[in-house]
Amino acid sequence: MPGCRAYSPQSRMGEAGVEVPGSWGDSAEGRAGVDLEWIRRFKSAELDGLVKEALEHNPDLKVAAARRDQAASLVKAAAAQGLPQIEGTAGGTKTSRNFIGFPFGRTGGDGGGGGEPTVTPFEVTTYTTGLNLQWEIDLWGRIRAGTAAAVAGAEAADMEYRAARASLAAGVARAWFAMTEAAEQVGVAELALKATDDTQLALEERFRSGQAGDQGSLGAQLRLARSDVAAAKAALEQRREALAKTSRALELLLGRYPKGKAKGEVKLPDVPGRPPTGLPSELLQRRPDILAAERRFAAQGMRQREAKRAVFPRLALTGSNGTNTDALKNLLASDYGVWSLGAGVTQTIFTGGQVLAEIRRRGAEQNEAQAALQKTVLQAFGEVEEALQLEGILGRREEALAESLRLAAEADTEARANYRQGIGDILTVLATQNRALQAKAQLVLVRRLRLDNRIALHLALGGDFRV
């Protein structure tokens, strides 16, 4: 029975109308494929466990899974239209009818028939059972086209679920890195507070001992140091607030109540080696959002075909088999069986342009899906190229900040030594101290940005992951 078969429409990726380069513009060709275990590359058992927990409890992923299941159910519903539809019936009726003038005509009168007519009531009880069959023969493939559209929709939903899984894993990793960076920034802020405290204490000791000749100048320097202490305290509280916020964001991804109590590593992990990128043409067959967009495009093509097939006549077979009796005890007796068998053709003649309007509407939806596919492909290429370019930019930025931190730390050490020996001034100490702490905070930030970009690269390449 052709109506029973559900098939997947052929790929329409070739109709995307996007030029695919032979290699990535910002890197050499990576023919080693794409990493499927990129979460493990960060070498953190804690991160692996958090991703697994999120996959089990995240509400958004449950929504994506439910949508995938709904789409799969639509396939069965669409395919069922091409199968025989059988329903069973059973019932009983009791009717009363009045027969006028039966069996003796009129009553009373002068014998000439001028009396009132005779009214004779009859009551009839009927019991029936039956099986009714209706089967539309899919001569033109209308039902098959609708079923194929449902299959493509289910495949798109499955790709969207896969994309949601990868996106959730990436979101957990990013939140975990952000929380770890926030914890490191709290540590930097605590160092800043300690440094300003030490500077303030040194100035107060000098002020009390009268070591400086210009007490007015020393008083101004002491006020400046106290201002720096207050500013450092405010900065520390701001960093603690950021830590609590990132902790709550991670807990929400994990499906936990957002208490802000989640804890991460004390230090960001090292950035793993550069992953293989594969070829641009492979991206079209690997990235789930591209595959989902292509399946939606294919589904719209099938829906337009379904609308066109609706113009042709519909052939339907009908039949019934059952019993009809006036006694309940005879309900299952074959002697009282009744049956019927028929066939009919239905042809739409006039609908006021409704059928043609539906064909045009579905054609426009197909064009929309094609444009959406083109946009998705171009965005995917752009995301890969951007992530590859940022790999180099952020790497060089980290190297420069590491060198800046090294020099600032050396300058801070020398300025403090000179100040203790009485040959330096407090303004130089404050400047070198702030420079070193700012460089350290910026270095922590750029290391987290490199990790985020690495996650973005894996997602852009369409790399799946294994827990």
Protein backbone atom coordinates (compact mmCIF):
# COMPACT_ATOMS: atom_id res chain seq x y z
CA MET A 1 0.00 0.00 0.00
CA PRO A 2 1.79 3.16 -1.14
CA GLY A 3 -0.04 5.32 1.36
CA CYS A 4 1.62 3.46 4.24
CA ARG A 5 5.15 4.43 3.35
CA ALA A 6 6.85 7.42 4.96
CA TYR A 7 9.98 8.59 3.20
CA SER A 8 12.45 11.42 3.72
CA PRO A 9 12.63 14.02 0.93
CA GLN A 10 15.92 14.27 -0.94
CA SER A 11 18.44 16.85 0.23
CA ARG A 12 17.99 20.30 -1.29
CA MET A 13 21.27 21.70 -0.01
CA GLY A 14 22.37 22.30 -3.59
CA GLU A 15 19.58 24.86 -3.93
CA ALA A 16 20.94 27.02 -1.11
CA GLY A 17 22.61 29.23 -3.72
CA VAL A 18 25.68 29.98 -1.59
CA GLU A 19 29.22 29.79 -2.93
CA VAL A 20 31.30 27.43 -0.80
CA PRO A 21 35.07 28.13 -0.66
CA GLY A 22 37.61 25.32 -0.84
CA SER A 23 39.23 26.24 2.47
CA TRP A 24 38.77 28.61 5.37
CA GLY A 25 40.05 32.10 4.75
CA ASP A 26 41.83 32.40 8.09
CA SER A 27 43.40 28.97 8.41
CA ALA A 28 44.84 26.08 6.47
CA GLU A 29 42.55 23.24 5.55
CA GLY A 30 41.95 20.89 8.43
CA ARG A 31 41.27 17.46 7.00
CA ALA A 32 41.39 15.64 10.32
CA GLY A 33 37.66 16.08 10.89
CA VAL A 34 36.03 17.85 13.81
CA ASP A 35 36.58 17.13 17.47
CA LEU A 36 33.73 15.21 19.10
CA GLU A 37 35.13 15.32 22.63
CA TRP A 38 35.89 19.01 22.96
CA ILE A 39 34.44 19.28 26.47
CA ARG A 40 37.06 16.80 27.70
CA ARG A 41 39.83 18.86 26.15
CA PHE A 42 39.51 21.31 29.03
CA LYS A 43 40.66 18.49 31.34
CA SER A 44 38.14 19.09 34.10
CA ALA A 45 36.14 16.24 35.58
CA GLU A 46 34.00 18.85 37.32
CA LEU A 47 33.02 20.43 34.00
CA ASP A 48 32.21 17.00 32.53
CA GLY A 49 29.92 16.31 35.48
CA LEU A 50 28.18 19.68 35.19
CA VAL A 51 27.44 19.15 31.50
CA LYS A 52 25.99 15.73 32.24
CA GLU A 53 23.82 17.18 35.01
CA ALA A 54 22.54 19.91 32.68
CA LEU A 55 21.63 17.37 30.00
CA GLU A 56 19.49 15.53 32.52
CA HIS A 57 17.77 18.46 34.21
CA ASN A 58 17.82 21.58 32.01
CA PRO A 59 14.21 22.68 31.25
CA ASP A 60 15.03 24.19 27.84
CA LEU A 61 16.50 20.89 26.66
CA LYS A 62 13.37 19.10 27.87
CA VAL A 63 11.32 21.53 25.76
CA ALA A 64 13.45 20.71 22.70
CA ALA A 65 13.05 16.98 23.36
CA ALA A 66 9.27 17.37 23.66
CA ARG A 67 9.14 19.24 20.35
CA ARG A 68 11.14 16.49 18.72
CA ASP A 69 8.68 13.91 20.03
CA GLN A 70 5.74 15.99 18.82
CA ALA A 71 7.22 16.18 15.33
CA ALA A 72 7.74 12.41 15.30
CA SER A 73 4.08 11.92 16.21
CA LEU A 74 3.02 14.12 13.31
CA VAL A 75 4.72 11.69 10.93
CA LYS A 76 2.51 8.84 12.13
CA ALA A 77 -0.59 11.03 11.93
CA ALA A 78 0.22 12.09 8.36
CA ALA A 79 0.99 8.54 7.20
CA ALA A 80 -2.24 7.26 8.74
CA GLN A 81 -4.27 9.26 6.19
CA GLY A 82 -3.21 6.77 3.50
CA LEU A 83 -4.35 3.73 5.48
CA PRO A 84 -7.85 2.25 5.71
CA GLN A 85 -9.89 3.87 8.45
CA ILE A 86 -12.11 1.36 10.28
CA GLU A 87 -14.56 2.14 13.04
CA GLY A 88 -16.89 -0.11 14.98
CA THR A 89 -20.45 0.80 15.90
CA ALA A 90 -23.12 -0.70 18.11
CA GLY A 91 -26.47 0.69 19.15
CA GLY A 92 -30.13 0.28 19.71
CA THR A 93 -33.15 2.42 18.81
CA LYS A 94 -36.81 2.32 19.70
CA THR A 95 -39.27 4.20 17.49
CA SER A 96 -43.01 4.74 17.56
CA ARG A 97 -45.08 5.55 14.46
CA ASN A 98 -48.80 6.24 14.00
CA PHE A 99 -50.59 4.72 10.98
CA ILE A 100 -53.78 6.65 10.12
CA GLY A 101 -56.79 4.75 8.69
CA PHE A 102 -55.15 1.38 9.10
CA PRO A 103 -56.47 -1.28 9.01
CA PHE A 104 -60.19 -0.30 8.93
CA GLY A 105 -60.31 3.20 7.54
CA ARG A 106 -62.62 5.55 9.51
CA THR A 107 -64.60 4.82 12.66
CA GLY A 108 -68.13 5.91 13.68
CA GLY A 109 -70.40 7.98 11.43
CA ASP A 110 -73.34 6.85 9.23
CA GLY A 111 -71.62 3.96 7.56
CA GLY A 112 -70.61 6.15 4.66
CA GLY A 113 -67.12 6.51 5.95
CA GLY A 114 -67.66 9.92 7.48
CA GLY A 115 -66.28 9.17 10.94
CA GLU A 116 -62.85 9.99 12.46
CA PRO A 117 -59.88 8.18 10.85
CA THR A 118 -58.43 5.22 12.64
CA VAL A 119 -55.03 5.90 14.32
CA THR A 120 -52.94 2.80 14.98
CA PRO A 121 -49.58 3.20 16.82
CA PHE A 122 -46.68 0.85 16.10
CA GLU A 123 -43.49 0.58 18.18
CA VAL A 124 -40.31 -0.90 16.66
CA THR A 125 -37.06 -1.76 18.46
CA THR A 126 -33.89 -2.20 16.39
CA TYR A 127 -30.40 -3.32 17.42
CA THR A 128 -27.38 -2.87 15.13
CA THR A 129 -23.68 -3.60 15.05
CA GLY A 130 -21.25 -2.75 12.32
CA LEU A 131 -17.75 -2.18 11.05
CA ASN A 132 -17.40 0.79 8.72
CA LEU A 133 -14.39 1.16 6.40
CA GLN A 134 -13.19 4.20 4.49
CA TRP A 135 -10.00 4.28 2.45
CA GLU A 136 -8.75 7.09 0.24
CA ILE A 137 -6.62 5.71 -2.59
CA ASP A 138 -3.61 8.04 -2.95
CA LEU A 139 -3.50 7.99 -6.76
CA TRP A 140 -1.70 11.31 -7.20
CA GLY A 141 0.63 11.20 -4.17
CA ARG A 142 -1.05 13.95 -2.16
CA ILE A 143 -0.93 11.99 1.08
CA ARG A 144 2.60 10.77 0.39
CA ALA A 145 3.75 14.37 -0.12
CA GLY A 146 2.18 15.41 3.17
CA THR A 147 3.81 12.49 4.93
CA ALA A 148 7.21 13.34 3.42
CA ALA A 149 6.80 16.92 4.66
CA ALA A 150 6.09 15.59 8.16
CA VAL A 151 9.19 13.37 7.98
CA ALA A 152 11.35 16.35 6.98
CA GLY A 153 9.83 18.36 9.83
CA ALA A 154 10.66 15.60 12.28
CA GLU A 155 14.22 15.46 10.98
CA ALA A 156 14.50 19.25 11.42
CA ALA A 157 13.24 18.94 15.00
CA ASP A 158 15.81 16.22 15.67
CA MET A 159 18.58 18.47 14.33
CA GLU A 160 17.30 21.31 16.49
CA TYR A 161 17.42 19.03 19.52
CA ARG A 162 21.00 18.10 18.69
CA ALA A 163 21.85 21.80 18.32
CA ALA A 164 20.19 22.47 21.68
CA ARG A 165 22.35 19.78 23.32
CA ALA A 166 25.55 21.26 21.93
CA SER A 167 24.43 24.78 22.81
CA LEU A 168 23.61 23.71 26.37
CA ALA A 169 27.01 22.08 26.79
CA ALA A 170 28.63 25.26 25.50
CA GLY A 171 26.48 27.39 27.79
CA VAL A 172 27.47 25.36 30.84
CA ALA A 173 31.15 25.60 29.92
CA ARG A 174 30.91 29.35 29.37
CA ALA A 175 29.05 29.88 32.65
CA TRP A 176 31.59 27.75 34.47
CA PHE A 177 34.48 29.71 32.95
CA ALA A 178 32.75 33.00 33.79
CA MET A 179 32.28 31.90 37.39
CA THR A 180 35.91 30.78 37.63
CA GLU A 181 37.08 34.07 36.15
CA ALA A 182 34.86 35.95 38.62
CA ALA A 183 36.47 33.99 41.46
CA GLU A 184 39.93 34.90 40.15
CA GLN A 185 38.89 38.54 39.86
CA VAL A 186 37.76 38.43 43.49
CA GLY A 187 41.26 37.24 44.34
CA VAL A 188 42.78 40.12 42.36
CA ALA A 189 40.48 42.59 44.14
CA GLU A 190 41.53 41.15 47.50
CA LEU A 191 45.18 41.63 46.53
CA ALA A 192 44.39 45.21 45.54
CA LEU A 193 42.72 45.86 48.90
CA LYS A 194 45.69 44.39 50.77
CA ALA A 195 48.15 46.46 48.74
CA THR A 196 46.27 49.71 49.36
CA ASP A 197 45.97 48.82 53.05
CA ASP A 198 49.73 48.27 53.26
CA THR A 199 50.37 51.58 51.50
CA GLN A 200 48.02 53.40 53.86
CA LEU A 201 49.70 51.87 56.91
CA ALA A 202 53.15 52.85 55.63
CA LEU A 203 52.01 56.43 55.05
CA GLU A 204 50.39 56.65 58.48
CA GLU A 205 53.61 55.43 60.09
CA ARG A 206 55.61 58.08 58.24
CA PHE A 207 53.07 60.72 59.10
CA ARG A 208 53.21 59.86 62.81
CA SER A 209 57.01 59.72 62.89
CA GLY A 210 57.40 62.95 60.91
CA GLN A 211 59.87 61.39 58.48
CA ALA A 212 58.77 63.59 55.58
CA GLY A 213 59.75 67.25 55.55
CA ASP A 214 56.57 68.42 53.90
CA GLN A 215 53.83 67.28 56.25
CA GLY A 216 51.15 68.94 54.15
CA SER A 217 52.17 66.96 51.11
CA LEU A 218 52.30 63.76 53.16
CA GLY A 219 48.82 64.50 54.50
CA ALA A 220 47.47 64.76 50.95
CA GLN A 221 49.18 61.51 50.05
CA LEU A 222 47.65 59.82 53.09
CA ARG A 223 44.17 60.99 52.08
CA LEU A 224 44.80 59.67 48.58
CA ALA A 225 45.84 56.30 49.99
CA ARG A 226 42.72 56.15 52.15
CA SER A 227 40.61 56.96 49.08
CA ASP A 228 42.28 54.08 47.25
CA VAL A 229 41.44 51.74 50.15
CA ALA A 230 37.77 52.74 50.00
CA ALA A 231 37.74 52.31 46.21
CA ALA A 232 39.39 48.89 46.56
CA LYS A 233 36.70 47.81 49.04
CA ALA A 234 33.97 48.89 46.60
CA ALA A 235 35.70 47.06 43.75
CA LEU A 236 35.93 43.91 45.88
CA GLU A 237 32.20 43.98 46.60
CA GLN A 238 31.50 44.47 42.91
CA ARG A 239 33.60 41.41 42.07
CA ARG A 240 31.79 39.37 44.71
CA GLU A 241 28.45 40.44 43.22
CA ALA A 242 29.66 39.31 39.78
CA LEU A 243 30.70 35.96 41.25
CA ALA A 244 27.27 35.39 42.79
CA LYS A 245 25.58 36.38 39.52
CA THR A 246 27.63 33.95 37.42
CA SER A 247 27.01 31.25 40.01
CA ARG A 248 23.25 31.70 39.71
CA ALA A 249 23.47 31.67 35.91
CA LEU A 250 25.25 28.32 36.05
CA GLU A 251 22.72 26.89 38.50
CA LEU A 252 19.84 27.85 36.19
CA LEU A 253 21.50 26.00 33.31
CA LEU A 254 21.90 22.97 35.53
CA GLY A 255 18.22 23.00 36.44
CA ARG A 256 18.98 23.90 40.06
CA TYR A 257 17.40 26.54 42.23
CA PRO A 258 19.50 29.72 41.74
CA LYS A 259 20.96 30.15 45.22
CA GLY A 260 24.28 31.50 43.97
CA LYS A 261 26.16 28.81 45.89
CA ALA A 262 27.77 26.92 42.99
CA LYS A 263 31.54 26.76 43.21
CA GLY A 264 34.06 26.26 40.44
CA GLU A 265 37.78 25.86 40.02
CA VAL A 266 40.12 28.38 41.62
CA LYS A 267 41.87 29.00 38.32
CA LEU A 268 40.90 28.97 34.66
CA PRO A 269 42.17 25.95 32.70
CA ASP A 270 44.72 26.32 29.95
CA VAL A 271 43.39 26.80 26.44
CA PRO A 272 43.64 23.46 24.58
CA GLY A 273 45.48 23.09 21.31
CA ARG A 274 43.82 24.37 18.17
CA PRO A 275 41.16 21.89 16.98
CA PRO A 276 40.86 20.54 13.44
CA THR A 277 38.42 22.53 11.36
CA GLY A 278 37.46 20.23 8.51
CA LEU A 279 36.53 21.73 5.14
CA PRO A 280 33.85 24.39 4.50
CA SER A 281 31.87 22.00 2.30
CA GLU A 282 31.69 19.52 5.18
CA LEU A 283 30.05 22.15 7.35
CA LEU A 284 26.90 21.88 5.23
CA GLN A 285 26.52 18.21 6.13
CA ARG A 286 27.53 18.50 9.78
CA ARG A 287 26.20 21.64 11.43
CA PRO A 288 22.78 20.93 12.95
CA ASP A 289 21.23 24.35 12.39
CA ILE A 290 22.12 24.19 8.68
CA LEU A 291 20.71 20.68 8.42
CA ALA A 292 17.54 21.78 10.22
CA ALA A 293 17.12 24.73 7.84
CA GLU A 294 17.59 22.45 4.83
CA ARG A 295 15.00 19.99 6.19
CA ARG A 296 12.50 22.84 6.67
CA PHE A 297 13.15 23.90 3.08
CA ALA A 298 12.56 20.32 1.89
CA ALA A 299 9.40 20.09 4.00
CA GLN A 300 7.96 23.25 2.43
CA GLY A 301 8.61 21.82 -1.03
CA MET A 302 6.60 18.73 -0.12
CA ARG A 303 3.79 20.85 1.33
CA GLN A 304 3.54 22.80 -1.90
CA ARG A 305 3.38 19.51 -3.82
CA GLU A 306 0.64 18.35 -1.46
CA ALA A 307 -1.38 21.50 -2.22
CA LYS A 308 -0.98 20.99 -5.97
CA ARG A 309 -2.13 17.37 -5.74
CA ALA A 310 -5.28 18.51 -3.96
CA VAL A 311 -6.57 19.78 -7.32
CA PHE A 312 -6.91 16.23 -8.68
CA PRO A 313 -9.93 13.97 -8.01
CA ARG A 314 -10.00 11.87 -4.87
CA LEU A 315 -10.96 8.19 -5.05
CA ALA A 316 -12.33 6.63 -1.88
CA LEU A 317 -13.51 3.10 -1.09
CA THR A 318 -16.22 2.62 1.51
CA GLY A 319 -17.70 -0.47 3.06
CA SER A 320 -19.61 -1.72 6.06
CA ASN A 321 -20.53 -5.04 7.61
CA GLY A 322 -22.75 -5.76 10.60
CA THR A 323 -26.15 -6.96 11.84
CA ASN A 324 -29.61 -5.47 12.07
CA THR A 325 -32.28 -7.17 14.24
CA ASP A 326 -35.25 -6.42 16.44
CA ALA A 327 -34.09 -8.80 19.18
CA LEU A 328 -31.01 -8.27 21.31
CA LYS A 329 -30.34 -12.03 21.42
CA ASN A 330 -29.93 -12.08 17.63
CA LEU A 331 -27.36 -9.27 17.58
CA LEU A 332 -24.45 -11.61 16.79
CA ALA A 333 -26.39 -14.05 14.59
CA SER A 334 -25.13 -14.24 11.02
CA ASP A 335 -28.66 -14.62 9.64
CA TYR A 336 -29.27 -10.95 10.42
CA GLY A 337 -26.08 -9.72 8.74
CA VAL A 338 -26.03 -6.69 6.45
CA TRP A 339 -23.17 -5.30 4.37
CA SER A 340 -22.38 -2.69 1.78
CA LEU A 341 -19.44 -1.85 -0.49
CA GLY A 342 -18.94 1.25 -2.58
CA ALA A 343 -16.49 3.54 -4.31
CA GLY A 344 -16.68 7.23 -5.03
CA VAL A 345 -14.78 9.99 -6.79
CA THR A 346 -14.74 13.55 -5.46
CA GLN A 347 -13.63 16.42 -7.69
CA THR A 348 -13.40 20.00 -6.55
CA ILE A 349 -15.20 22.23 -9.05
CA PHE A 350 -15.40 25.69 -7.49
CA THR A 351 -13.90 26.99 -4.24
CA GLY A 352 -13.63 30.69 -4.99
CA GLY A 353 -9.87 30.48 -5.62
CA GLN A 354 -9.11 28.88 -2.24
CA VAL A 355 -7.11 25.97 -3.69
CA LEU A 356 -4.96 28.16 -5.94
CA ALA A 357 -4.40 30.63 -3.11
CA GLU A 358 -3.19 27.75 -0.91
CA ILE A 359 -0.74 26.67 -3.62
CA ARG A 360 0.64 30.20 -3.89
CA ARG A 361 0.89 30.51 -0.10
CA ARG A 362 2.88 27.33 0.21
CA GLY A 363 5.11 28.41 -2.66
CA ALA A 364 5.86 31.63 -0.80
CA GLU A 365 6.61 29.64 2.36
CA GLN A 366 9.04 27.53 0.33
CA ASN A 367 10.81 30.68 -0.90
CA GLU A 368 11.01 31.92 2.68
CA ALA A 369 12.54 28.63 3.81
CA GLN A 370 15.09 28.79 0.98
CA ALA A 371 16.12 32.32 1.98
CA ALA A 372 16.37 31.22 5.62
CA LEU A 373 18.66 28.37 4.55
CA GLN A 374 20.89 30.77 2.61
CA LYS A 375 21.08 33.07 5.63
CA THR A 376 21.90 30.20 7.98
CA VAL A 377 24.71 28.94 5.72
CA LEU A 378 26.27 32.39 5.36
CA GLN A 379 26.04 33.02 9.11
CA ALA A 380 27.69 29.66 9.78
CA PHE A 381 30.61 30.46 7.49
CA GLY A 382 30.92 33.88 9.11
CA GLU A 383 30.96 32.42 12.62
CA VAL A 384 33.74 29.97 11.74
CA GLU A 385 35.88 32.63 10.07
CA GLU A 386 35.37 35.04 12.98
CA ALA A 387 36.25 32.42 15.58
CA LEU A 388 39.36 31.38 13.63
CA GLN A 389 40.49 34.98 13.33
CA LEU A 390 39.89 35.65 17.04
CA GLU A 391 42.03 32.62 17.89
CA GLY A 392 45.10 34.49 16.69
CA ILE A 393 44.05 37.93 17.92
CA LEU A 394 43.27 36.81 21.47
CA GLY A 395 46.41 34.68 21.61
CA ARG A 396 48.59 37.66 20.73
CA ARG A 397 46.64 39.84 23.14
CA GLU A 398 47.27 37.37 25.96
CA GLU A 399 51.00 37.31 25.21
CA ALA A 400 51.14 41.12 25.28
CA LEU A 401 49.23 41.30 28.58
CA ALA A 402 51.45 38.66 30.14
CA GLU A 403 54.49 40.74 29.21
CA SER A 404 52.77 43.89 30.52
CA LEU A 405 52.05 42.15 33.82
CA ARG A 406 55.63 40.98 34.16
CA LEU A 407 57.03 44.47 33.62
CA ALA A 408 54.41 46.12 35.85
CA ALA A 409 55.16 43.65 38.66
CA GLU A 410 58.88 44.38 38.39
CA ALA A 411 58.20 48.13 38.42
CA ASP A 412 55.94 47.75 41.46
CA THR A 413 58.59 45.77 43.34
CA GLU A 414 61.26 48.37 42.54
CA ALA A 415 59.01 51.32 43.45
CA ARG A 416 58.17 49.79 46.83
CA ALA A 417 61.82 49.09 47.55
CA ASN A 418 62.76 52.69 46.69
CA TYR A 419 59.94 54.01 48.86
CA ARG A 420 61.09 51.95 51.85
CA GLN A 421 64.61 53.30 51.37
CA GLY A 422 63.32 56.86 51.29
CA ILE A 423 64.38 57.57 47.70
CA GLY A 424 60.94 57.14 46.07
CA ASP A 425 57.54 58.77 46.38
CA ILE A 426 54.17 57.29 47.20
CA LEU A 427 52.59 58.41 43.92
CA THR A 428 54.96 56.18 41.98
CA VAL A 429 54.12 53.29 44.30
CA LEU A 430 50.39 53.82 43.80
CA ALA A 431 50.78 54.07 40.02
CA THR A 432 52.89 50.92 39.65
CA GLN A 433 50.66 49.04 42.07
CA ASN A 434 47.50 49.93 40.11
CA ARG A 435 49.20 49.15 36.80
CA ALA A 436 50.21 45.67 37.97
CA LEU A 437 46.77 44.84 39.36
CA GLN A 438 44.99 46.11 36.24
CA ALA A 439 47.28 44.03 34.02
CA LYS A 440 46.56 40.96 36.13
CA ALA A 441 42.79 41.52 35.94
CA GLN A 442 42.96 42.06 32.17
CA LEU A 443 45.05 38.93 31.73
CA VAL A 444 42.46 36.84 33.59
CA LEU A 445 39.72 38.37 31.41
CA VAL A 446 41.47 37.66 28.11
CA ARG A 447 42.21 34.08 29.16
CA ARG A 448 38.48 33.58 29.75
CA LEU A 449 37.72 35.23 26.39
CA ARG A 450 40.06 32.77 24.69
CA LEU A 451 38.21 29.87 26.30
CA ASP A 452 34.87 31.35 25.24
CA ASN A 453 36.11 31.75 21.69
CA ARG A 454 37.32 28.17 21.66
CA ILE A 455 33.79 27.07 22.60
CA ALA A 456 32.37 29.33 19.87
CA LEU A 457 34.73 27.72 17.35
CA HIS A 458 33.61 24.22 18.26
CA LEU A 459 29.96 25.24 17.95
CA ALA A 460 30.59 27.06 14.68
CA LEU A 461 32.28 23.97 13.23
CA GLY A 462 29.28 21.84 14.13
CA GLY A 463 31.27 19.61 16.42
CA ASP A 464 29.09 17.34 18.52
CA PHE A 465 30.28 16.25 21.92
CA ARG A 466 30.37 13.16 24.08
CA VAL A 467 29.96 13.11 27.84
